[in-house]
C-alpha atoms as a PDB file:
ATOM      1  CA  UNK A   1       6.081 -11.858  -4.631  1.00  0.00           C
ATOM      2  CA  UNK A   2       9.559 -13.761  -3.661  1.00  0.00           C
ATOM      3  CA  UNK A   3      11.953 -13.110  -0.852  1.00  0.00           C
ATOM      4  CA  UNK A   4      15.080 -12.152  -3.294  1.00  0.00           C
ATOM      5  CA  UNK A   5      12.240  -9.557  -5.189  1.00  0.00           C
ATOM      6  CA  UNK A   6      11.262  -8.218  -1.902  1.00  0.00           C
ATOM      7  CA  UNK A   7      14.610  -7.431  -0.600  1.00  0.00           C
ATOM      8  CA  UNK A   8      15.874  -6.470  -4.126  1.00  0.00           C
ATOM      9  CA  UNK A   9      12.989  -3.827  -4.274  1.00  0.00           C
ATOM     10  CA  UNK A  10      14.073  -2.698  -0.715  1.00  0.00           C
ATOM     11  CA  UNK A  11      17.629  -2.117  -1.144  1.00  0.00           C
ATOM     12  CA  UNK A  12      17.779  -1.280  -4.529  1.00  0.00           C
ATOM     13  CA  UNK A  13      20.282  -3.975  -5.667  1.00  0.00           C
ATOM     14  CA  UNK A  14      20.153  -7.098  -8.083  1.00  0.00           C
ATOM     15  CA  UNK A  15      21.635  -9.447  -5.552  1.00  0.00           C
ATOM     16  CA  UNK A  16      20.805  -8.122  -1.706  1.00  0.00           C
ATOM     17  CA  UNK A  17      23.483  -9.097   0.963  1.00  0.00           C
ATOM     18  CA  UNK A  18      21.682  -8.390   4.311  1.00  0.00           C
ATOM     19  CA  UNK A  19      18.024  -9.008   5.586  1.00  0.00           C
ATOM     20  CA  UNK A  20      16.669  -7.398   8.754  1.00  0.00           C
ATOM     21  CA  UNK A  21      16.601 -10.026  12.028  1.00  0.00           C
ATOM     22  CA  UNK A  22      12.906  -9.208  12.109  1.00  0.00           C
ATOM     23  CA  UNK A  23      12.052 -10.239   8.542  1.00  0.00           C
ATOM     24  CA  UNK A  24      14.798 -13.432   8.836  1.00  0.00           C
ATOM     25  CA  UNK A  25      12.756 -14.648  11.946  1.00  0.00           C
ATOM     26  CA  UNK A  26       9.578 -14.800  10.000  1.00  0.00           C
ATOM     27  CA  UNK A  27      11.120 -17.024   7.383  1.00  0.00           C
ATOM     28  CA  UNK A  28      13.057 -18.928   9.788  1.00  0.00           C
ATOM     29  CA  UNK A  29      16.553 -17.695   8.492  1.00  0.00           C
ATOM     30  CA  UNK A  30      19.145 -18.188  10.969  1.00  0.00           C
ATOM     31  CA  UNK A  31      21.040 -14.820  12.303  1.00  0.00           C
ATOM     32  CA  UNK A  32      23.867 -14.266  11.797  1.00  0.00           C
ATOM     33  CA  UNK A  33      23.761 -14.608   7.800  1.00  0.00           C
ATOM     34  CA  UNK A  34      25.697 -17.615   6.471  1.00  0.00           C
ATOM     35  CA  UNK A  35      27.121 -17.976   3.434  1.00  0.00           C
ATOM     36  CA  UNK A  36      24.426 -18.581   0.849  1.00  0.00           C
ATOM     37  CA  UNK A  37      21.275 -17.631   2.793  1.00  0.00           C
ATOM     38  CA  UNK A  38      20.213 -16.328  -0.155  1.00  0.00           C
ATOM     39  CA  UNK A  39      20.422 -19.196  -2.730  1.00  0.00           C
ATOM     40  CA  UNK A  40      18.592 -20.636   0.178  1.00  0.00           C
ATOM     41  CA  UNK A  41      15.749 -18.607   0.939  1.00  0.00           C
ATOM     42  CA  UNK A  42      15.279 -16.090  -1.900  1.00  0.00           C
ATOM     43  CA  UNK A  43      12.761 -18.267  -3.568  1.00  0.00           C
ATOM     44  CA  UNK A  44      10.459 -18.724  -0.431  1.00  0.00           C
ATOM     45  CA  UNK A  45       7.436 -16.571  -1.696  1.00  0.00           C
ATOM     46  CA  UNK A  46       5.975 -13.927   0.223  1.00  0.00           C
ATOM     47  CA  UNK A  47       2.489 -15.431   0.833  1.00  0.00           C
ATOM     48  CA  UNK A  48      -0.313 -12.987   2.276  1.00  0.00           C
ATOM     49  CA  UNK A  49       0.130 -14.768   6.094  1.00  0.00           C
ATOM     50  CA  UNK A  50       3.910 -14.126   5.698  1.00  0.00           C
ATOM     51  CA  UNK A  51       2.951 -10.530   4.603  1.00  0.00           C
ATOM     52  CA  UNK A  52       1.329  -9.703   7.784  1.00  0.00           C
ATOM     53  CA  UNK A  53       3.564 -11.330  10.257  1.00  0.00           C
ATOM     54  CA  UNK A  54       6.718  -9.260   8.478  1.00  0.00           C
ATOM     55  CA  UNK A  55       4.426  -5.914   8.367  1.00  0.00           C
ATOM     56  CA  UNK A  56       3.896  -6.594  12.109  1.00  0.00           C
ATOM     57  CA  UNK A  57       7.207  -7.169  12.741  1.00  0.00           C
ATOM     58  CA  UNK A  58       8.333  -4.150  10.879  1.00  0.00           C
ATOM     59  CA  UNK A  59       5.743  -1.996  12.186  1.00  0.00           C
ATOM     60  CA  UNK A  60       6.958  -3.014  16.175  1.00  0.00           C
ATOM     61  CA  UNK A  61      10.591  -1.493  15.221  1.00  0.00           C
ATOM     62  CA  UNK A  62       9.343   1.490  13.741  1.00  0.00           C
ATOM     63  CA  UNK A  63       6.669   1.776  17.182  1.00  0.00           C
ATOM     64  CA  UNK A  64      10.221   0.791  19.224  1.00  0.00           C
ATOM     65  CA  UNK A  65      12.463   4.079  17.443  1.00  0.00           C
ATOM     66  CA  UNK A  66      14.786   1.269  16.302  1.00  0.00           C
ATOM     67  CA  UNK A  67      17.812   2.276  14.822  1.00  0.00           C
ATOM     68  CA  UNK A  68      16.850   0.623  11.311  1.00  0.00           C
ATOM     69  CA  UNK A  69      13.178   1.817  11.493  1.00  0.00           C
ATOM     70  CA  UNK A  70      13.692   3.496   8.371  1.00  0.00           C
ATOM     71  CA  UNK A  71      14.629   0.439   6.655  1.00  0.00           C
ATOM     72  CA  UNK A  72      11.342  -1.730   8.477  1.00  0.00           C
ATOM     73  CA  UNK A  73       9.328   2.014   7.083  1.00  0.00           C
ATOM     74  CA  UNK A  74      10.618   1.079   3.529  1.00  0.00           C
ATOM     75  CA  UNK A  75      10.032  -2.884   4.142  1.00  0.00           C
ATOM     76  CA  UNK A  76       6.310  -1.861   4.642  1.00  0.00           C
ATOM     77  CA  UNK A  77       5.997   0.693   1.947  1.00  0.00           C
ATOM     78  CA  UNK A  78       7.283  -2.317  -0.873  1.00  0.00           C
ATOM     79  CA  UNK A  79       4.937  -5.027   0.460  1.00  0.00           C
ATOM     80  CA  UNK A  80       2.214  -2.520   0.358  1.00  0.00           C
ATOM     81  CA  UNK A  81       3.189  -1.621  -3.389  1.00  0.00           C
ATOM     82  CA  UNK A  82       3.641  -5.230  -4.067  1.00  0.00           C
ATOM     83  CA  UNK A  83       0.103  -5.830  -3.066  1.00  0.00           C
ATOM     84  CA  UNK A  84      -1.393  -3.233  -5.599  1.00  0.00           C
ATOM     85  CA  UNK A  85      -0.224  -5.190  -8.323  1.00  0.00           C
ATOM     86  CA  UNK A  86      -2.711  -7.497 -10.001  1.00  0.00           C
ATOM     87  CA  UNK A  87      -1.359 -10.438 -12.069  1.00  0.00           C
ATOM     88  CA  UNK A  88      -4.366  -9.819 -14.437  1.00  0.00           C
ATOM     89  CA  UNK A  89      -5.424  -6.323 -13.296  1.00  0.00           C
ATOM     90  CA  UNK A  90      -9.147  -5.689 -14.527  1.00  0.00           C
ATOM     91  CA  UNK A  91      -9.225  -2.283 -16.766  1.00  0.00           C
ATOM     92  CA  UNK A  92      -9.274   0.898 -14.577  1.00  0.00           C
ATOM     93  CA  UNK A  93     -12.664   1.632 -16.602  1.00  0.00           C
ATOM     94  CA  UNK A  94     -14.538  -1.634 -15.790  1.00  0.00           C
ATOM     95  CA  UNK A  95     -17.083  -2.346 -12.840  1.00  0.00           C
ATOM     96  CA  UNK A  96     -14.519  -4.805 -12.308  1.00  0.00           C
ATOM     97  CA  UNK A  97     -11.976  -2.510 -11.364  1.00  0.00           C
ATOM     98  CA  UNK A  98     -14.126  -1.026  -8.280  1.00  0.00           C
ATOM     99  CA  UNK A  99     -14.425  -4.803  -6.698  1.00  0.00           C
ATOM    100  CA  UNK A 100     -10.859  -5.464  -7.111  1.00  0.00           C
ATOM    101  CA  UNK A 101      -8.710  -6.399  -4.425  1.00  0.00           C
ATOM    102  CA  UNK A 102      -6.108  -4.063  -5.004  1.00  0.00           C
ATOM    103  CA  UNK A 103      -8.938  -1.501  -5.282  1.00  0.00           C
ATOM    104  CA  UNK A 104     -10.281  -2.299  -1.882  1.00  0.00           C
ATOM    105  CA  UNK A 105      -7.119  -2.373  -0.632  1.00  0.00           C
ATOM    106  CA  UNK A 106      -6.009   1.457  -1.871  1.00  0.00           C
ATOM    107  CA  UNK A 107      -9.069   2.403  -0.468  1.00  0.00           C
ATOM    108  CA  UNK A 108      -8.195   1.507   3.337  1.00  0.00           C
ATOM    109  CA  UNK A 109      -4.635   3.282   2.513  1.00  0.00           C
ATOM    110  CA  UNK A 110      -6.353   6.053   1.376  1.00  0.00           C
ATOM    111  CA  UNK A 111      -8.742   6.236   4.453  1.00  0.00           C
ATOM    112  CA  UNK A 112      -6.023   5.351   6.576  1.00  0.00           C
ATOM    113  CA  UNK A 113      -3.581   8.281   5.425  1.00  0.00           C
ATOM    114  CA  UNK A 114      -6.297  11.176   4.706  1.00  0.00           C
ATOM    115  CA  UNK A 115      -8.774  10.305   7.405  1.00  0.00           C
ATOM    116  CA  UNK A 116     -12.367   9.621   7.723  1.00  0.00           C
ATOM    117  CA  UNK A 117     -13.654  12.861   6.705  1.00  0.00           C
ATOM    118  CA  UNK A 118     -14.675  14.889   3.641  1.00  0.00           C
ATOM    119  CA  UNK A 119     -11.585  16.616   2.406  1.00  0.00           C
ATOM    120  CA  UNK A 120     -14.029  19.065   0.764  1.00  0.00           C
ATOM    121  CA  UNK A 121     -16.831  20.174   3.446  1.00  0.00           C
ATOM    122  CA  UNK A 122     -15.121  18.292   6.668  1.00  0.00           C
ATOM    123  CA  UNK A 123     -18.387  16.074   6.893  1.00  0.00           C
ATOM    124  CA  UNK A 124     -18.132  12.739   9.104  1.00  0.00           C
ATOM    125  CA  UNK A 125     -19.770   9.587   8.828  1.00  0.00           C
ATOM    126  CA  UNK A 126     -21.183  10.824  12.644  1.00  0.00           C
ATOM    127  CA  UNK A 127     -22.825  13.692  10.444  1.00  0.00           C
ATOM    128  CA  UNK A 128     -24.746  11.238   8.851  1.00  0.00           C
ATOM    129  CA  UNK A 129     -23.006  11.271   5.608  1.00  0.00           C
ATOM    130  CA  UNK A 130     -21.442   8.651   3.432  1.00  0.00           C
ATOM    131  CA  UNK A 131     -18.101   8.571   2.423  1.00  0.00           C
ATOM    132  CA  UNK A 132     -16.031   7.940  -0.797  1.00  0.00           C
ATOM    133  CA  UNK A 133     -12.484   7.704  -2.166  1.00  0.00           C
ATOM    134  CA  UNK A 134     -12.589  10.019  -5.242  1.00  0.00           C
ATOM    135  CA  UNK A 135     -10.395   9.795  -7.997  1.00  0.00           C
ATOM    136  CA  UNK A 136      -8.734  13.675  -8.699  1.00  0.00           C
ATOM    137  CA  UNK A 137      -8.037  13.013 -11.923  1.00  0.00           C
ATOM    138  CA  UNK A 138     -10.757  10.503 -13.452  1.00  0.00           C
ATOM    139  CA  UNK A 139      -9.801   6.893 -14.140  1.00  0.00           C
ATOM    140  CA  UNK A 140     -11.708   7.211 -17.287  1.00  0.00           C
ATOM    141  CA  UNK A 141      -8.924  10.005 -18.617  1.00  0.00           C
ATOM    142  CA  UNK A 142      -5.879   8.569 -16.216  1.00  0.00           C
ATOM    143  CA  UNK A 143      -6.239   5.205 -16.001  1.00  0.00           C
ATOM    144  CA  UNK A 144      -2.460   4.772 -15.013  1.00  0.00           C
ATOM    145  CA  UNK A 145      -3.421   7.044 -12.116  1.00  0.00           C
ATOM    146  CA  UNK A 146      -6.057   4.510 -11.095  1.00  0.00           C
ATOM    147  CA  UNK A 147      -4.209   2.902  -8.194  1.00  0.00           C
ATOM    148  CA  UNK A 148      -2.260   5.530  -7.121  1.00  0.00           C
ATOM    149  CA  UNK A 149      -2.685   6.977  -3.524  1.00  0.00           C
ATOM    150  CA  UNK A 150      -1.740  10.147  -4.406  1.00  0.00           C
ATOM    151  CA  UNK A 151      -4.638  10.643  -6.898  1.00  0.00           C
ATOM    152  CA  UNK A 152      -7.457   9.980  -4.281  1.00  0.00           C
ATOM    153  CA  UNK A 153      -9.053  11.904  -1.957  1.00  0.00           C
ATOM    154  CA  UNK A 154     -11.780  11.086   0.685  1.00  0.00           C
ATOM    155  CA  UNK A 155     -14.621  12.948  -0.159  1.00  0.00           C
ATOM    156  CA  UNK A 156     -18.822  12.420   1.409  1.00  0.00           C
ATOM    157  CA  UNK A 157     -21.691  11.704  -1.113  1.00  0.00           C
ATOM    158  CA  UNK A 158     -22.507  15.036  -1.874  1.00  0.00           C
ATOM    159  CA  UNK A 159     -19.172  16.729  -2.643  1.00  0.00           C
ATOM    160  CA  UNK A 160     -18.234  13.609  -4.864  1.00  0.00           C
ATOM    161  CA  UNK A 161     -21.494  13.976  -6.804  1.00  0.00           C
ATOM    162  CA  UNK A 162     -20.869  17.817  -7.184  1.00  0.00           C
ATOM    163  CA  UNK A 163     -17.601  17.159  -8.319  1.00  0.00           C
ATOM    164  CA  UNK A 164     -18.245  14.890 -10.868  1.00  0.00           C
ATOM    165  CA  UNK A 165     -15.653  13.129 -13.550  1.00  0.00           C
ATOM    166  CA  UNK A 166     -15.123  16.675 -15.160  1.00  0.00           C
ATOM    167  CA  UNK A 167     -13.710  18.431 -12.350  1.00  0.00           C
ATOM    168  CA  UNK A 168      -9.794  17.701 -11.296  1.00  0.00           C
ATOM    169  CA  UNK A 169      -9.700  19.811  -7.633  1.00  0.00           C
ATOM    170  CA  UNK A 170      -7.847  18.164  -5.260  1.00  0.00           C
ATOM    171  CA  UNK A 171      -9.362  19.317  -1.991  1.00  0.00           C
ATOM    172  CA  UNK A 172      -6.988  20.410   1.050  1.00  0.00           C
ATOM    173  CA  UNK A 173      -9.152  18.942   3.687  1.00  0.00           C
ATOM    174  CA  UNK A 174     -11.145  20.750   6.582  1.00  0.00           C
END
């Protein structure tokens, strides 16, 4: 993703006019912004290393309750969402899907959002269970939801097996 695409998505405009100081610092963009800064820096690619640095800087703004913390949260969300888009996305029904980086990253996000316990019975790994990330609406029937965080829940192996691909129950968590 290029810097201009990130900023356009973040601010909802075709030609962004601003950038957070913490973001500019990562790219070496001098502040205050000079005329033509976007033409000069907009085509810079956000590599995985740069993404990590941006997220770290944005998270520090959130942690400090910075006045622009909402903008920092949105930046992190956009970077996370962009990471989930593959240039050649494997079919949601293929075995390759479960090995894709997009799926693996989304699984981590699911554990971060929903916790490390079964949403159905409440079991935890310390109880000796294995946890799975379950698609509430099965990916074979709803492939467009395969990489949607809101379509995921954490289930232990027993509850996941019991639920199967035919049951679309979203458990609320114990």
